[in-house]
Amino acid sequence: MSINGRKKQRRLTAKTKFEIYLRTRGEYGLHLSDLKEIEDLVEAGAISRLKTKQSKTKDQDEVTPEEYVELQK
């Protein structure tokens, strides 16, 4: 791990990247365009969910102390 707590990103050689691609294509029948489409969908979903989560936390009503006690019961 690096100083800031993150793992140091490993650099892959061109040959290793190509081997990964070949294995992915062979095992799952995926091509580069398929992988890119999956990546784009995952990114869009994550961004959408993060926006939704932020707006929900901002719009939540505050609970009064009395309501809190009642909810605990």
N, C-alpha and C. Protein backbone atom coordinates (compact mmCIF):
# COMPACT_ATOMS: atom_id res chain seq x y z
N MET A 1 0.84 -1.19 0.00
CA MET A 1 0.00 0.00 0.00
C MET A 1 0.87 1.24 0.00
N SER A 2 0.32 2.29 -0.54
CA SER A 2 1.06 3.54 -0.56
C SER A 2 0.79 4.31 0.73
N ILE A 3 1.37 5.45 0.84
CA ILE A 3 1.26 6.26 2.05
C ILE A 3 -0.19 6.69 2.32
N ASN A 4 -0.94 7.01 1.27
CA ASN A 4 -2.31 7.49 1.47
C ASN A 4 -3.32 6.36 1.65
N GLY A 5 -2.88 5.12 1.81
CA GLY A 5 -3.78 4.01 2.09
C GLY A 5 -4.30 3.29 0.86
N ARG A 6 -3.98 3.77 -0.29
CA ARG A 6 -4.44 3.12 -1.52
C ARG A 6 -3.38 2.16 -2.01
N LYS A 7 -3.86 1.10 -2.67
CA LYS A 7 -2.91 0.18 -3.27
C LYS A 7 -2.27 0.84 -4.47
N LYS A 8 -1.03 0.58 -4.65
CA LYS A 8 -0.31 1.11 -5.80
C LYS A 8 -0.82 0.37 -7.05
N GLN A 9 -1.20 1.13 -8.07
CA GLN A 9 -1.71 0.51 -9.28
C GLN A 9 -0.59 -0.20 -10.02
N ARG A 10 -0.86 -1.45 -10.34
CA ARG A 10 0.13 -2.26 -11.03
C ARG A 10 0.07 -1.95 -12.53
N ARG A 11 1.20 -1.76 -13.12
CA ARG A 11 1.25 -1.50 -14.55
C ARG A 11 1.32 -2.83 -15.29
N LEU A 12 0.43 -2.99 -16.25
CA LEU A 12 0.40 -4.20 -17.05
C LEU A 12 1.13 -3.95 -18.36
N THR A 13 1.86 -4.94 -18.80
CA THR A 13 2.54 -4.82 -20.09
C THR A 13 1.51 -4.97 -21.21
N ALA A 14 1.88 -4.54 -22.37
CA ALA A 14 1.00 -4.67 -23.53
C ALA A 14 0.68 -6.15 -23.78
N LYS A 15 1.67 -7.00 -23.61
CA LYS A 15 1.47 -8.43 -23.83
C LYS A 15 0.45 -8.98 -22.83
N THR A 16 0.57 -8.59 -21.56
CA THR A 16 -0.36 -9.05 -20.53
C THR A 16 -1.77 -8.56 -20.82
N LYS A 17 -1.90 -7.31 -21.22
CA LYS A 17 -3.22 -6.77 -21.57
C LYS A 17 -3.84 -7.55 -22.71
N PHE A 18 -3.04 -7.88 -23.71
CA PHE A 18 -3.55 -8.64 -24.85
C PHE A 18 -3.97 -10.04 -24.41
N GLU A 19 -3.19 -10.66 -23.52
CA GLU A 19 -3.54 -11.99 -23.02
C GLU A 19 -4.85 -11.96 -22.23
N ILE A 20 -5.04 -10.92 -21.44
CA ILE A 20 -6.30 -10.76 -20.71
C ILE A 20 -7.46 -10.63 -21.68
N TYR A 21 -7.27 -9.83 -22.69
CA TYR A 21 -8.31 -9.67 -23.72
C TYR A 21 -8.63 -11.00 -24.38
N LEU A 22 -7.61 -11.75 -24.75
CA LEU A 22 -7.84 -13.03 -25.42
C LEU A 22 -8.59 -14.01 -24.51
N ARG A 23 -8.22 -14.05 -23.23
CA ARG A 23 -8.91 -14.93 -22.28
C ARG A 23 -10.37 -14.51 -22.11
N THR A 24 -10.60 -13.22 -22.00
CA THR A 24 -11.97 -12.71 -21.84
C THR A 24 -12.80 -13.04 -23.07
N ARG A 25 -12.22 -12.83 -24.21
CA ARG A 25 -12.93 -13.12 -25.46
C ARG A 25 -13.19 -14.61 -25.59
N GLY A 26 -12.20 -15.44 -25.23
CA GLY A 26 -12.35 -16.88 -25.35
C GLY A 26 -13.34 -17.46 -24.35
N GLU A 27 -13.26 -17.02 -23.09
CA GLU A 27 -14.13 -17.57 -22.05
C GLU A 27 -15.56 -17.10 -22.18
N TYR A 28 -15.75 -15.84 -22.48
CA TYR A 28 -17.08 -15.26 -22.45
C TYR A 28 -17.58 -14.79 -23.82
N GLY A 29 -16.75 -14.88 -24.83
CA GLY A 29 -17.16 -14.44 -26.15
C GLY A 29 -17.29 -12.93 -26.26
N LEU A 30 -16.57 -12.19 -25.41
CA LEU A 30 -16.66 -10.74 -25.41
C LEU A 30 -15.54 -10.13 -26.23
N HIS A 31 -15.88 -9.08 -26.92
CA HIS A 31 -14.89 -8.32 -27.69
C HIS A 31 -14.69 -6.97 -27.01
N LEU A 32 -13.73 -6.20 -27.48
CA LEU A 32 -13.43 -4.91 -26.86
C LEU A 32 -14.66 -4.00 -26.81
N SER A 33 -15.46 -4.00 -27.88
CA SER A 33 -16.65 -3.15 -27.89
C SER A 33 -17.65 -3.59 -26.82
N ASP A 34 -17.75 -4.91 -26.57
CA ASP A 34 -18.63 -5.41 -25.51
C ASP A 34 -18.15 -4.93 -24.14
N LEU A 35 -16.84 -5.05 -23.91
CA LEU A 35 -16.27 -4.62 -22.64
C LEU A 35 -16.47 -3.12 -22.42
N LYS A 36 -16.31 -2.34 -23.47
CA LYS A 36 -16.50 -0.89 -23.38
C LYS A 36 -17.96 -0.57 -23.08
N GLU A 37 -18.88 -1.28 -23.71
CA GLU A 37 -20.31 -1.06 -23.46
C GLU A 37 -20.65 -1.38 -22.00
N ILE A 38 -20.11 -2.48 -21.49
CA ILE A 38 -20.34 -2.85 -20.09
C ILE A 38 -19.79 -1.77 -19.16
N GLU A 39 -18.58 -1.32 -19.45
CA GLU A 39 -17.96 -0.28 -18.63
C GLU A 39 -18.81 0.99 -18.63
N ASP A 40 -19.30 1.39 -19.80
CA ASP A 40 -20.13 2.60 -19.91
C ASP A 40 -21.42 2.46 -19.11
N LEU A 41 -22.05 1.27 -19.17
CA LEU A 41 -23.29 1.04 -18.44
C LEU A 41 -23.07 1.06 -16.93
N VAL A 42 -21.99 0.45 -16.49
CA VAL A 42 -21.67 0.44 -15.06
C VAL A 42 -21.41 1.86 -14.57
N GLU A 43 -20.65 2.62 -15.35
CA GLU A 43 -20.35 4.00 -14.97
C GLU A 43 -21.63 4.83 -14.89
N ALA A 44 -22.49 4.72 -15.90
CA ALA A 44 -23.74 5.48 -15.91
C ALA A 44 -24.62 5.10 -14.73
N GLY A 45 -24.68 3.81 -14.42
CA GLY A 45 -25.48 3.35 -13.29
C GLY A 45 -24.95 3.87 -11.98
N ALA A 46 -23.64 3.85 -11.83
CA ALA A 46 -23.02 4.33 -10.59
C ALA A 46 -23.27 5.83 -10.41
N ILE A 47 -23.10 6.58 -11.47
CA ILE A 47 -23.31 8.03 -11.41
C ILE A 47 -24.77 8.33 -11.07
N SER A 48 -25.68 7.63 -11.73
CA SER A 48 -27.10 7.82 -11.48
C SER A 48 -27.46 7.52 -10.03
N ARG A 49 -26.94 6.41 -9.52
CA ARG A 49 -27.24 6.01 -8.14
C ARG A 49 -26.64 7.00 -7.14
N LEU A 50 -25.45 7.48 -7.41
CA LEU A 50 -24.83 8.45 -6.51
C LEU A 50 -25.63 9.75 -6.48
N LYS A 51 -26.13 10.18 -7.63
CA LYS A 51 -26.95 11.39 -7.68
C LYS A 51 -28.24 11.18 -6.90
N THR A 52 -28.86 10.02 -7.06
CA THR A 52 -30.10 9.70 -6.36
C THR A 52 -29.87 9.67 -4.86
N LYS A 53 -28.80 9.06 -4.43
CA LYS A 53 -28.49 8.96 -3.00
C LYS A 53 -28.27 10.34 -2.40
N GLN A 54 -27.58 11.21 -3.12
CA GLN A 54 -27.33 12.56 -2.62
C GLN A 54 -28.63 13.34 -2.47
N SER A 55 -29.51 13.24 -3.47
CA SER A 55 -30.75 14.00 -3.41
C SER A 55 -31.66 13.46 -2.32
N LYS A 56 -31.65 12.15 -2.06
CA LYS A 56 -32.47 11.59 -0.99
C LYS A 56 -32.02 12.09 0.37
N THR A 57 -30.72 12.15 0.59
CA THR A 57 -30.23 12.58 1.90
C THR A 57 -30.51 14.06 2.13
N LYS A 58 -30.52 14.85 1.09
CA LYS A 58 -30.80 16.27 1.23
C LYS A 58 -32.28 16.52 1.48
N ASP A 59 -33.16 15.68 0.92
CA ASP A 59 -34.60 15.89 1.00
C ASP A 59 -35.24 15.25 2.23
N GLN A 60 -34.52 14.51 3.00
CA GLN A 60 -35.11 13.84 4.15
C GLN A 60 -35.51 14.87 5.21
N ASP A 61 -36.69 14.63 5.80
CA ASP A 61 -37.16 15.50 6.86
C ASP A 61 -36.43 15.18 8.15
N GLU A 62 -36.26 16.20 8.97
CA GLU A 62 -35.65 15.98 10.27
C GLU A 62 -36.70 15.45 11.23
N VAL A 63 -36.25 14.65 12.16
CA VAL A 63 -37.14 14.07 13.15
C VAL A 63 -37.01 14.86 14.44
N THR A 64 -38.15 15.17 15.03
CA THR A 64 -38.12 15.89 16.31
C THR A 64 -37.68 14.93 17.41
N PRO A 65 -37.21 15.46 18.54
CA PRO A 65 -36.82 14.57 19.65
C PRO A 65 -37.97 13.68 20.12
N GLU A 66 -39.19 14.21 20.09
CA GLU A 66 -40.35 13.42 20.50
C GLU A 66 -40.60 12.27 19.53
N GLU A 67 -40.48 12.57 18.23
CA GLU A 67 -40.67 11.52 17.22
C GLU A 67 -39.59 10.45 17.34
N TYR A 68 -38.38 10.88 17.67
CA TYR A 68 -37.27 9.94 17.82
C TYR A 68 -37.55 8.98 18.97
N VAL A 69 -38.00 9.51 20.09
CA VAL A 69 -38.31 8.67 21.24
C VAL A 69 -39.43 7.70 20.88
N GLU A 70 -40.44 8.20 20.19
CA GLU A 70 -41.57 7.35 19.79
C GLU A 70 -41.12 6.26 18.82
N LEU A 71 -40.23 6.59 17.92
CA LEU A 71 -39.72 5.59 16.97
C LEU A 71 -38.89 4.52 17.68
N GLN A 72 -38.17 4.92 18.71
CA GLN A 72 -37.38 3.94 19.45
C GLN A 72 -38.26 2.94 20.17
N LYS A 73 -39.43 3.36 20.60
CA LYS A 73 -40.35 2.45 21.30
C LYS A 73 -40.82 1.39 20.34
